[in-house]
Amino acid sequence: MTAPRGPALVRLLSARLRNGPLSITSPTRLRQAVFQAQGRRIADQAASDLATQAPELATGLGYAQIVVLFVALGSVSFGIGHAPGLTLATMGAALGPLFLGLIVLRLAASFLKNPAEPTTEAPRVEDAALPIYTIIAALYRERRVAARLIEALSRLDYPAAKLDIKLVLEADDRETLDALQAADLPGNMEIIVAPKGQPRTKPRALNVALPLARGRFTVIYDAEDVPDPGQLRLAVDRFSCLPPHVACLQARLTIDNTDDSWLTRLFTIEYAALFDVFNPGLADIGSPIPLGGTSNHFRTSVLKAIHGWDAWNVTEDADLGLRLARLGYEVGDLPSSTLEEAPGTLGAWMRQRTRWMKGFVQTATTHSRRPCVLFRQLGFWRFCGALVLTWGIVLSALVYPLFSALFLTSWFSGTGGSYASHWDVIVRVYSQTLFCSGAAAIMIPALFALHRRRLWRLWPWLPLLPFYYGLVSIAAWRGLWELATATFRWNKTSHGHARTSRTGSLRSTKQEWSARGR
């Protein structure tokens, strides 16, 4: 049986068949038959291919590591209760280099010029010269935004015949399947139902679709995404100018429902600082980059060669960015925007951020299990960057309220200018430097980001960022607890609840979706 495409079909029809009967079917019917016959094998490969082929790179957080983490936290709690001065001094000395490294990276990235959009327009390539581009979007219970996604992908400025679009659903997601089937999908979009299996995560769904990708390049979008129409053409142009070891381009994610609530305003500031300042700066200096969960453009051959995503890591994006760096690849910046919908309520935000922080702990432990190997693969500076961008982010979130409260208490209580010893002076200066530079590392990237996005109206919200990062700390502690109690649970973020839209994209598509009679 064969399912030929294009020139292969022409050759087949023009050839004389001498070897007996031949069954011809469509690619979709052939795929469906294979999935029906080999569903369990496909599910197993999607879940465990990385662990089988490269176990040293796969998530392997066992109970022993969890016990070590909680014993360490218990020891710190005991020390603070019985010898607070010594314990805090030891913690400051041990964690200070990580925190200072993160501060330096954030401040350095702020002063690198990375405009939010390309400064020059790339020459337009003829449609015939463009490569096939695969788009994979994993959807689960996304009935509210299914029509908007189809519309957003249909608006892409790329020849329809060169698009290979895979919409991956879970077997029990009947509501999204019905919504997609009712939407009259274009011929370049196909629905793939992932075979039942564990874990029930987005990366497993992506792994199901990856072997079917026909494009030279592959991009990942989330269900609620509205990418800039010219994003694929810009990515093709950037890849053509970059060496082969640049395996991925990260586009800029920006929040569109900014005015839904105070939380979405702060989320907008955080995303602007991350994707318009910090990540582009990391790309400029050649640092490893924990990827964002969407709008990652890959060379398909490289993505397949490194076994796709880790199905057991709940922040598969951050893990993949570190894995690319360990295998000798780099991530570049793509100055093109993708509109995203931020959670509008504290409960939804907390569930999402808890998963993110849990995944960062998974990523940190996975890639630091064998530090000597990591050092050899990355070299000194990139090794330091990897530690700062994993353990530095996790630990700074965990201790942020404690260190902030202790510093402010010490500052406002004062010592009247007298110190018991020179060590007291050193400790006080060190803590002041760490605290003040940390505050600058929060505010300065945000200021640059809002300027680049022309979101000056959000400047009055900047004083609330320390409070916002306090919420991140709560999510980090929740993530640590969930790591022990529900290690691989995927906290689903519901979409389609946006009430406002800065660009009109979310509002207009939502109105059209309502008009079609959901």
Protein backbone atom coordinates (compact mmCIF):
# COMPACT_ATOMS: atom_id res chain seq x y z
CA MET A 1 0.00 0.00 0.00
CA THR A 2 1.26 3.49 -0.78
CA ALA A 3 0.06 7.07 -0.33
CA PRO A 4 2.02 9.06 -2.91
CA ARG A 5 2.12 12.85 -3.06
CA GLY A 6 2.84 15.26 -5.89
CA PRO A 7 5.53 14.08 -8.37
CA ALA A 8 5.54 10.61 -6.81
CA LEU A 9 1.88 10.20 -7.77
CA VAL A 10 2.58 11.32 -11.33
CA ARG A 11 5.44 8.85 -11.67
CA LEU A 12 3.31 6.06 -10.25
CA LEU A 13 0.44 6.68 -12.65
CA SER A 14 2.75 6.90 -15.65
CA ALA A 15 4.70 3.75 -14.79
CA ARG A 16 3.72 0.29 -15.87
CA LEU A 17 2.81 -1.84 -12.88
CA ARG A 18 4.49 -5.21 -13.29
CA ASN A 19 4.60 -6.51 -9.74
CA GLY A 20 0.99 -7.35 -9.15
CA PRO A 21 -1.85 -5.32 -7.67
CA LEU A 22 -1.10 -2.08 -5.85
CA SER A 23 -3.31 -0.42 -3.25
CA ILE A 24 -3.39 3.37 -3.39
CA THR A 25 -4.89 5.50 -0.63
CA SER A 26 -4.71 9.04 0.68
CA PRO A 27 -2.02 10.01 3.23
CA THR A 28 -4.70 10.72 5.83
CA ARG A 29 -6.32 7.30 5.46
CA LEU A 30 -2.93 5.59 5.59
CA ARG A 31 -2.01 7.48 8.76
CA GLN A 32 -5.33 6.59 10.36
CA ALA A 33 -4.82 2.92 9.53
CA VAL A 34 -1.31 2.94 10.99
CA PHE A 35 -2.51 4.69 14.17
CA GLN A 36 -5.31 2.17 14.56
CA ALA A 37 -2.99 -0.81 14.11
CA GLN A 38 0.04 0.55 15.99
CA GLY A 39 -1.55 2.91 18.51
CA ARG A 40 0.17 1.46 21.57
CA ARG A 41 3.58 1.47 19.91
CA ILE A 42 3.13 5.07 18.77
CA ALA A 43 2.07 6.10 22.28
CA ASP A 44 5.05 4.35 23.85
CA GLN A 45 7.51 5.97 21.45
CA ALA A 46 6.02 9.43 22.02
CA ALA A 47 6.40 8.97 25.77
CA SER A 48 9.77 7.27 26.02
CA ASP A 49 11.85 7.80 22.88
CA LEU A 50 14.17 10.32 24.56
CA ALA A 51 14.57 8.19 27.68
CA THR A 52 15.36 5.15 25.53
CA GLN A 53 17.77 6.78 23.10
CA ALA A 54 19.44 9.36 25.38
CA PRO A 55 18.63 8.53 29.04
CA GLU A 56 21.25 10.97 30.34
CA LEU A 57 19.22 13.84 28.84
CA ALA A 58 15.77 12.68 29.94
CA THR A 59 13.83 13.78 32.99
CA GLY A 60 14.82 11.44 35.76
CA LEU A 61 13.76 13.04 39.00
CA GLY A 62 13.43 10.07 41.29
CA TYR A 63 12.22 9.80 44.85
CA ALA A 64 15.80 9.97 46.12
CA GLN A 65 16.27 13.43 44.62
CA ILE A 66 12.93 14.59 46.00
CA VAL A 67 13.97 13.36 49.46
CA VAL A 68 17.29 15.23 49.17
CA LEU A 69 15.45 18.44 48.23
CA PHE A 70 13.09 18.25 51.17
CA VAL A 71 15.85 17.24 53.60
CA ALA A 72 17.81 20.31 52.51
CA LEU A 73 14.76 22.53 53.00
CA GLY A 74 14.13 20.95 56.40
CA SER A 75 17.74 21.58 57.42
CA VAL A 76 17.44 25.21 56.42
CA SER A 77 14.22 25.58 58.42
CA PHE A 78 15.86 23.97 61.44
CA GLY A 79 18.90 26.22 61.11
CA ILE A 80 16.80 29.38 60.87
CA GLY A 81 14.96 28.34 64.03
CA HIS A 82 18.09 27.55 66.08
CA ALA A 83 20.93 29.56 64.54
CA PRO A 84 19.37 32.13 62.23
CA GLY A 85 22.42 34.34 61.84
CA LEU A 86 24.78 31.55 60.82
CA THR A 87 22.18 29.86 58.62
CA LEU A 88 21.27 33.01 56.71
CA ALA A 89 24.92 33.98 56.30
CA THR A 90 25.69 30.53 54.90
CA MET A 91 22.70 30.68 52.56
CA GLY A 92 23.69 34.15 51.37
CA ALA A 93 27.25 33.07 50.69
CA ALA A 94 26.15 29.92 48.87
CA LEU A 95 23.33 31.40 46.82
CA GLY A 96 24.76 34.87 46.28
CA PRO A 97 26.83 33.95 43.18
CA LEU A 98 23.77 32.41 41.51
CA PHE A 99 21.64 35.46 42.26
CA LEU A 100 24.34 37.91 41.20
CA GLY A 101 24.80 35.95 37.98
CA LEU A 102 21.08 36.23 37.22
CA ILE A 103 21.16 39.94 38.03
CA VAL A 104 24.13 40.53 35.73
CA LEU A 105 22.45 38.65 32.86
CA ARG A 106 19.21 40.61 33.21
CA LEU A 107 20.96 43.97 33.38
CA ALA A 108 23.36 43.18 30.54
CA ALA A 109 20.49 42.06 28.30
CA SER A 110 18.70 45.35 28.92
CA PHE A 111 21.40 47.39 27.24
CA LEU A 112 21.59 45.31 24.06
CA LYS A 113 19.60 46.73 21.17
CA ASN A 114 16.83 44.30 20.24
CA PRO A 115 13.79 46.09 18.79
CA ALA A 116 10.44 44.35 19.09
CA GLU A 117 10.04 44.19 15.31
CA PRO A 118 12.61 43.83 12.49
CA THR A 119 14.24 47.13 11.57
CA THR A 120 14.58 46.23 7.89
CA GLU A 121 12.16 44.30 5.70
CA ALA A 122 13.53 41.06 4.28
CA PRO A 123 13.31 40.68 0.48
CA ARG A 124 10.18 38.78 -0.48
CA VAL A 125 10.97 35.28 -1.70
CA GLU A 126 8.92 33.79 -4.53
CA ASP A 127 6.36 31.28 -3.32
CA ALA A 128 7.89 28.51 -5.43
CA ALA A 129 11.24 28.94 -3.67
CA LEU A 130 9.83 28.63 -0.15
CA PRO A 131 10.25 25.31 1.69
CA ILE A 132 7.43 23.29 3.20
CA TYR A 133 6.74 24.53 6.72
CA THR A 134 5.17 22.30 9.38
CA ILE A 135 2.96 23.79 12.09
CA ILE A 136 2.09 21.66 15.12
CA ALA A 137 -0.50 22.76 17.67
CA ALA A 138 -1.47 20.54 20.58
CA LEU A 139 -5.04 21.20 21.75
CA TYR A 140 -6.97 19.89 24.72
CA ARG A 141 -10.44 21.13 25.60
CA GLU A 142 -9.96 24.22 23.45
CA ARG A 143 -13.44 24.51 21.92
CA ARG A 144 -13.58 28.22 22.75
CA VAL A 145 -10.52 29.14 20.68
CA ALA A 146 -10.52 26.46 17.96
CA ALA A 147 -12.06 28.75 15.33
CA ARG A 148 -9.70 31.58 16.22
CA LEU A 149 -6.67 29.33 15.81
CA ILE A 150 -7.83 28.16 12.39
CA GLU A 151 -8.41 31.75 11.33
CA ALA A 152 -5.02 32.89 12.66
CA LEU A 153 -3.21 30.10 10.81
CA SER A 154 -5.19 30.83 7.63
CA ARG A 155 -3.98 34.45 7.77
CA LEU A 156 -0.32 33.47 7.61
CA ASP A 157 1.45 35.01 4.62
CA TYR A 158 2.71 31.70 3.28
CA PRO A 159 1.58 29.65 0.30
CA ALA A 160 -1.13 27.25 1.44
CA ALA A 161 0.37 24.40 -0.59
CA LYS A 162 3.62 24.75 1.36
CA LEU A 163 1.96 24.54 4.80
CA ASP A 164 1.76 21.22 6.65
CA ILE A 165 -0.47 21.86 9.68
CA LYS A 166 -1.01 19.24 12.39
CA LEU A 167 -3.68 19.78 15.06
CA VAL A 168 -3.10 17.17 17.78
CA LEU A 169 -5.94 16.17 20.09
CA GLU A 170 -6.31 13.73 22.95
CA ALA A 171 -8.52 10.69 22.46
CA ASP A 172 -11.12 11.82 25.02
CA ASP A 173 -11.40 15.42 23.75
CA ARG A 174 -14.63 15.12 21.82
CA GLU A 175 -15.64 18.78 22.23
CA THR A 176 -12.55 20.13 20.45
CA LEU A 177 -12.82 17.47 17.74
CA ASP A 178 -16.43 18.45 17.06
CA ALA A 179 -15.49 22.14 16.93
CA LEU A 180 -12.70 21.52 14.43
CA GLN A 181 -14.79 19.25 12.24
CA ALA A 182 -17.57 21.85 12.18
CA ALA A 183 -15.11 24.54 11.09
CA ASP A 184 -14.52 23.11 7.59
CA LEU A 185 -10.73 22.84 7.81
CA PRO A 186 -8.58 23.80 4.81
CA GLY A 187 -6.87 20.97 2.96
CA ASN A 188 -3.46 21.73 4.50
CA MET A 189 -4.75 21.12 8.05
CA GLU A 190 -5.14 17.65 9.47
CA ILE A 191 -6.44 16.44 12.80
CA ILE A 192 -4.29 13.87 14.60
CA VAL A 193 -5.77 12.06 17.57
CA ALA A 194 -2.99 10.93 19.88
CA PRO A 195 -3.34 7.31 21.01
CA LYS A 196 -4.21 6.83 24.67
CA GLY A 197 -1.19 6.73 26.93
CA GLN A 198 0.76 8.34 29.71
CA PRO A 199 1.77 10.99 30.55
CA ARG A 200 -1.12 13.23 29.50
CA THR A 201 1.11 16.16 28.58
CA LYS A 202 1.56 18.59 25.72
CA PRO A 203 5.06 17.31 24.83
CA ARG A 204 3.76 13.76 24.39
CA ALA A 205 1.15 15.08 21.95
CA LEU A 206 3.84 16.98 20.05
CA ASN A 207 5.97 13.84 19.85
CA VAL A 208 3.05 11.97 18.29
CA ALA A 209 2.95 14.49 15.42
CA LEU A 210 6.69 15.05 14.96
CA PRO A 211 7.46 11.90 12.88
CA LEU A 212 4.74 13.03 10.45
CA ALA A 213 6.25 16.50 9.93
CA ARG A 214 7.08 17.03 6.24
CA GLY A 215 8.49 20.53 6.47
CA ARG A 216 12.10 21.63 6.40
CA PHE A 217 11.15 23.79 9.37
CA THR A 218 8.65 23.17 12.18
CA VAL A 219 6.97 25.72 14.44
CA ILE A 220 4.94 25.10 17.59
CA TYR A 221 1.87 27.19 18.37
CA ASP A 222 -0.54 27.07 21.29
CA ALA A 223 -4.29 26.95 20.84
CA GLU A 224 -4.84 30.63 21.68
CA ASP A 225 -1.96 32.00 19.59
CA VAL A 226 -2.31 34.66 16.92
CA PRO A 227 1.09 34.86 15.17
CA ASP A 228 2.12 37.77 13.00
CA PRO A 229 1.17 36.88 9.41
CA GLY A 230 4.74 37.34 8.16
CA GLN A 231 6.38 35.25 10.88
CA LEU A 232 7.08 32.14 8.78
CA ARG A 233 8.62 34.09 5.91
CA LEU A 234 10.83 35.99 8.36
CA ALA A 235 11.92 32.72 9.99
CA VAL A 236 12.85 31.22 6.61
CA ASP A 237 14.88 34.33 5.79
CA ARG A 238 16.66 34.27 9.19
CA PHE A 239 17.44 30.55 8.97
CA SER A 240 18.91 31.03 5.48
CA CYS A 241 21.36 33.60 6.87
CA LEU A 242 22.38 31.58 9.94
CA PRO A 243 24.79 28.65 10.29
CA PRO A 244 23.32 25.13 10.64
CA HIS A 245 24.11 24.93 14.37
CA VAL A 246 21.45 27.58 15.02
CA ALA A 247 18.68 25.03 15.33
CA CYS A 248 15.85 27.15 16.73
CA LEU A 249 14.46 30.67 16.57
CA GLN A 250 12.31 31.97 19.43
CA ALA A 251 9.66 34.48 18.38
CA ARG A 252 8.45 37.23 20.72
CA LEU A 253 5.39 36.40 22.82
CA THR A 254 3.21 39.32 23.84
CA ILE A 255 0.00 39.50 25.85
CA ASP A 256 -3.06 40.83 24.03
CA ASN A 257 -5.71 40.84 26.79
CA THR A 258 -3.65 43.26 28.88
CA ASP A 259 -6.57 45.23 30.25
CA ASP A 260 -8.56 42.28 31.59
CA SER A 261 -7.28 42.73 35.16
CA TRP A 262 -4.39 43.95 37.31
CA LEU A 263 -2.88 40.48 36.92
CA THR A 264 -2.88 40.54 33.12
CA ARG A 265 -1.23 43.98 33.20
CA LEU A 266 1.61 42.64 35.33
CA PHE A 267 1.80 39.50 33.18
CA THR A 268 2.16 41.75 30.12
CA ILE A 269 5.08 43.55 31.75
CA GLU A 270 6.73 40.26 32.71
CA TYR A 271 6.38 38.81 29.20
CA ALA A 272 7.66 42.00 27.58
CA ALA A 273 10.75 41.95 29.81
CA LEU A 274 11.33 38.26 29.09
CA PHE A 275 10.72 38.05 25.34
CA ASP A 276 11.67 41.57 24.21
CA VAL A 277 14.70 42.10 26.45
CA PHE A 278 16.02 39.08 28.33
CA ASN A 279 15.79 36.24 25.80
CA PRO A 280 17.04 38.32 22.84
CA GLY A 281 19.96 39.42 25.01
CA LEU A 282 20.76 35.82 25.91
CA ALA A 283 20.72 34.95 22.21
CA ASP A 284 23.10 37.82 21.44
CA ILE A 285 25.70 36.62 23.94
CA GLY A 286 25.34 32.94 22.99
CA SER A 287 23.89 31.77 26.30
CA PRO A 288 21.64 28.73 26.65
CA ILE A 289 18.00 29.82 26.48
CA PRO A 290 15.06 28.16 28.21
CA LEU A 291 12.55 28.34 25.37
CA GLY A 292 9.06 29.73 25.65
CA GLY A 293 6.28 27.19 25.21
CA THR A 294 5.17 28.44 21.80
CA SER A 295 6.39 30.11 18.60
CA ASN A 296 9.59 28.03 18.62
CA HIS A 297 10.79 27.58 15.03
CA PHE A 298 13.04 24.54 14.51
CA ARG A 299 15.06 22.91 11.81
CA THR A 300 12.96 19.75 11.57
CA SER A 301 15.92 17.46 10.94
CA VAL A 302 17.61 18.61 14.16
CA LEU A 303 14.41 18.32 16.19
CA LYS A 304 13.93 14.74 15.05
CA ALA A 305 17.60 13.91 15.61
CA ILE A 306 17.46 14.98 19.27
CA HIS A 307 14.27 12.93 19.84
CA GLY A 308 11.81 15.80 20.09
CA TRP A 309 10.42 16.79 23.48
CA ASP A 310 10.70 15.20 26.90
CA ALA A 311 7.16 13.95 27.46
CA TRP A 312 7.68 13.73 31.24
CA ASN A 313 8.84 17.33 31.76
CA VAL A 314 5.99 19.77 32.39
CA THR A 315 8.08 22.67 31.05
CA GLU A 316 9.28 20.83 27.98
CA ASP A 317 10.23 24.14 26.36
CA ALA A 318 12.82 25.11 28.97
CA ASP A 319 14.21 21.58 28.96
CA LEU A 320 14.54 21.53 25.17
CA GLY A 321 16.42 24.83 25.17
CA LEU A 322 18.98 23.42 27.60
CA ARG A 323 19.22 20.13 25.69
CA LEU A 324 19.92 21.97 22.43
CA ALA A 325 22.76 23.85 24.12
CA ARG A 326 24.25 20.62 25.55
CA LEU A 327 24.24 19.02 22.10
CA GLY A 328 26.10 21.94 20.53
CA TYR A 329 23.19 23.91 19.05
CA GLU A 330 22.18 27.52 19.56
CA VAL A 331 18.87 29.37 19.77
CA GLY A 332 18.42 32.64 17.91
CA ASP A 333 15.98 35.50 18.31
CA LEU A 334 13.12 36.03 15.87
CA PRO A 335 11.78 39.61 16.11
CA SER A 336 8.22 38.73 15.22
CA SER A 337 5.28 38.76 17.62
CA THR A 338 2.76 36.14 18.60
CA LEU A 339 -0.26 37.33 20.55
CA GLU A 340 -1.10 35.29 23.65
CA GLU A 341 -3.96 35.22 26.13
CA ALA A 342 -2.90 35.58 29.77
CA PRO A 343 -4.87 34.00 32.62
CA GLY A 344 -7.23 36.64 33.94
CA THR A 345 -7.83 35.25 37.43
CA LEU A 346 -5.43 34.54 40.25
CA GLY A 347 -6.51 30.89 40.47
CA ALA A 348 -5.84 30.19 36.79
CA TRP A 349 -2.54 32.09 36.93
CA MET A 350 -1.42 30.21 40.05
CA ARG A 351 -2.14 26.79 38.53
CA GLN A 352 -0.21 27.68 35.39
CA ARG A 353 2.75 29.16 37.27
CA THR A 354 2.86 26.21 39.68
CA ARG A 355 3.34 23.91 36.71
CA TRP A 356 6.03 26.17 35.27
CA MET A 357 8.00 26.27 38.50
CA LYS A 358 7.65 22.52 38.99
CA GLY A 359 8.99 22.03 35.47
CA PHE A 360 11.93 24.34 36.14
CA VAL A 361 12.89 22.16 39.10
CA GLN A 362 12.63 19.10 36.83
CA THR A 363 14.82 20.81 34.24
CA ALA A 364 17.38 21.98 36.81
CA THR A 365 17.78 18.53 38.37
CA THR A 366 17.83 16.74 35.00
CA HIS A 367 20.65 18.82 33.55
CA SER A 368 22.74 19.02 36.70
CA ARG A 369 22.78 15.30 37.55
CA ARG A 370 26.27 15.02 36.04
CA PRO A 371 27.81 18.49 36.37
CA CYS A 372 31.19 17.43 34.97
CA VAL A 373 29.55 16.26 31.75
CA LEU A 374 27.49 19.46 31.60
CA PHE A 375 30.66 21.53 32.06
CA ARG A 376 32.45 19.64 29.29
CA GLN A 377 29.53 20.08 26.90
CA LEU A 378 28.95 23.77 27.52
CA GLY A 379 32.27 25.24 28.55
CA PHE A 380 32.77 27.51 31.55
CA TRP A 381 30.64 30.54 30.68
CA ARG A 382 27.70 28.68 29.18
CA PHE A 383 27.83 26.23 32.10
CA CYS A 384 27.50 29.16 34.49
CA GLY A 385 24.66 30.52 32.39
CA ALA A 386 22.82 27.19 32.48
CA LEU A 387 23.07 27.05 36.28
CA VAL A 388 21.89 30.64 36.64
CA LEU A 389 18.95 30.09 34.28
CA THR A 390 17.77 26.93 36.05
CA TRP A 391 18.79 26.75 39.70
CA GLY A 392 19.17 30.53 39.92
CA ILE A 393 15.58 31.10 38.82
CA VAL A 394 14.20 28.32 41.05
CA LEU A 395 16.11 29.22 44.21
CA SER A 396 15.64 32.96 43.85
CA ALA A 397 11.89 32.40 43.64
CA LEU A 398 11.91 30.16 46.71
CA VAL A 399 13.89 32.48 49.00
CA TYR A 400 12.68 35.82 47.61
CA PRO A 401 10.14 36.57 50.40
CA LEU A 402 12.50 35.45 53.18
CA PHE A 403 15.50 37.45 52.04
CA SER A 404 13.38 40.51 51.20
CA ALA A 405 11.67 40.48 54.59
CA LEU A 406 14.95 40.03 56.47
CA PHE A 407 16.66 42.80 54.53
CA LEU A 408 13.80 45.26 55.01
CA THR A 409 13.57 44.41 58.70
CA SER A 410 17.30 44.95 59.11
CA TRP A 411 17.21 48.16 57.10
CA PHE A 412 14.35 49.79 58.97
CA SER A 413 15.51 48.63 62.42
CA GLY A 414 18.97 50.16 61.76
CA THR A 415 22.09 49.95 63.91
CA GLY A 416 22.72 53.62 64.56
CA GLY A 417 25.90 53.48 62.51
CA SER A 418 27.67 51.12 64.88
CA TYR A 419 28.61 47.55 63.98
CA ALA A 420 29.89 44.77 66.20
CA SER A 421 32.68 43.81 63.80
CA HIS A 422 34.03 44.27 60.32
CA TRP A 423 32.12 41.13 59.32
CA ASP A 424 28.87 42.91 60.17
CA VAL A 425 29.83 45.71 57.81
CA ILE A 426 30.69 43.24 55.05
CA VAL A 427 27.46 41.30 55.49
CA ARG A 428 25.37 44.47 55.51
CA VAL A 429 27.04 45.91 52.39
CA TYR A 430 26.77 42.55 50.62
CA SER A 431 23.07 42.23 51.44
CA GLN A 432 22.37 45.81 50.40
CA THR A 433 24.18 45.29 47.11
CA LEU A 434 22.29 42.08 46.42
CA PHE A 435 18.92 43.59 47.30
CA CYS A 436 19.32 46.86 45.41
CA SER A 437 20.83 45.26 42.31
CA GLY A 438 18.07 42.65 42.41
CA ALA A 439 15.44 45.38 42.46
CA ALA A 440 17.20 47.06 39.53
CA ALA A 441 17.25 43.74 37.64
CA ILE A 442 13.46 43.59 38.01
CA MET A 443 12.71 47.19 37.07
CA ILE A 444 15.25 48.07 34.36
CA PRO A 445 14.40 45.25 31.89
CA ALA A 446 10.71 46.05 32.40
CA LEU A 447 11.29 49.73 31.62
CA PHE A 448 13.22 48.92 28.44
CA ALA A 449 10.59 46.38 27.41
CA LEU A 450 7.65 48.74 27.84
CA HIS A 451 9.53 51.37 25.85
CA ARG A 452 10.18 48.92 22.99
CA ARG A 453 6.53 47.81 23.00
CA ARG A 454 5.31 51.40 23.36
CA LEU A 455 3.33 50.37 26.41
CA TRP A 456 4.19 53.48 28.42
CA ARG A 457 0.72 53.47 29.98
CA LEU A 458 1.80 50.42 32.05
CA TRP A 459 4.64 52.28 33.78
CA PRO A 460 2.45 53.11 36.82
CA TRP A 461 2.10 49.37 37.43
CA LEU A 462 5.85 48.81 37.77
CA PRO A 463 5.91 49.39 41.57
CA LEU A 464 3.69 46.31 41.92
CA LEU A 465 6.27 43.99 40.34
CA PRO A 466 7.89 43.08 43.71
CA PHE A 467 4.44 41.98 44.91
CA TYR A 468 3.92 40.05 41.65
CA TYR A 469 7.20 38.17 42.14
CA GLY A 470 6.01 37.36 45.64
CA LEU A 471 3.15 35.48 43.97
CA VAL A 472 5.74 33.71 41.80
CA SER A 473 7.44 32.62 45.02
CA ILE A 474 4.18 31.12 46.30
CA ALA A 475 3.84 29.26 43.00
CA ALA A 476 7.42 27.98 43.37
CA TRP A 477 6.66 26.50 46.78
CA ARG A 478 3.44 25.00 45.45
CA GLY A 479 5.41 23.55 42.55
CA LEU A 480 7.90 21.99 44.92
CA TRP A 481 5.09 20.35 46.87
CA GLU A 482 3.41 19.17 43.67
CA LEU A 483 6.71 17.74 42.50
CA ALA A 484 6.54 15.33 45.43
CA THR A 485 2.81 14.60 45.29
CA ALA A 486 1.88 14.82 41.57
CA THR A 487 5.20 14.88 39.72
CA PHE A 488 3.93 14.67 36.15
CA ARG A 489 0.49 16.25 36.46
CA TRP A 490 -0.17 18.85 33.77
CA ASN A 491 -2.19 21.80 35.11
CA LYS A 492 -4.28 22.73 32.10
CA THR A 493 -4.73 26.45 31.36
CA SER A 494 -8.16 27.25 29.98
CA HIS A 495 -8.34 29.76 27.10
CA GLY A 496 -10.98 31.82 25.40
CA HIS A 497 -11.90 33.95 28.41
CA ALA A 498 -10.30 37.24 27.32
CA ARG A 499 -12.52 40.29 27.75
CA THR A 500 -10.21 42.85 26.14
CA SER A 501 -7.73 42.98 23.27
CA ARG A 502 -5.03 45.58 22.68
CA THR A 503 -4.92 44.80 18.95
CA GLY A 504 -8.49 43.68 18.38
CA SER A 505 -7.33 40.18 17.42
CA LEU A 506 -8.84 38.35 20.38
CA ARG A 507 -12.05 40.36 20.40
CA SER A 508 -12.81 40.11 16.68
CA THR A 509 -12.22 36.39 16.41
CA LYS A 510 -14.20 35.75 19.57
CA GLN A 511 -17.14 37.69 18.12
CA GLU A 512 -16.93 35.74 14.87
CA TRP A 513 -16.79 32.49 16.82
CA SER A 514 -19.93 33.51 18.77
CA ALA A 515 -21.68 34.46 15.55
CA ARG A 516 -21.10 30.98 14.17
CA GLY A 517 -23.13 29.56 17.04
CA ARG A 518 -20.70 27.77 19.30
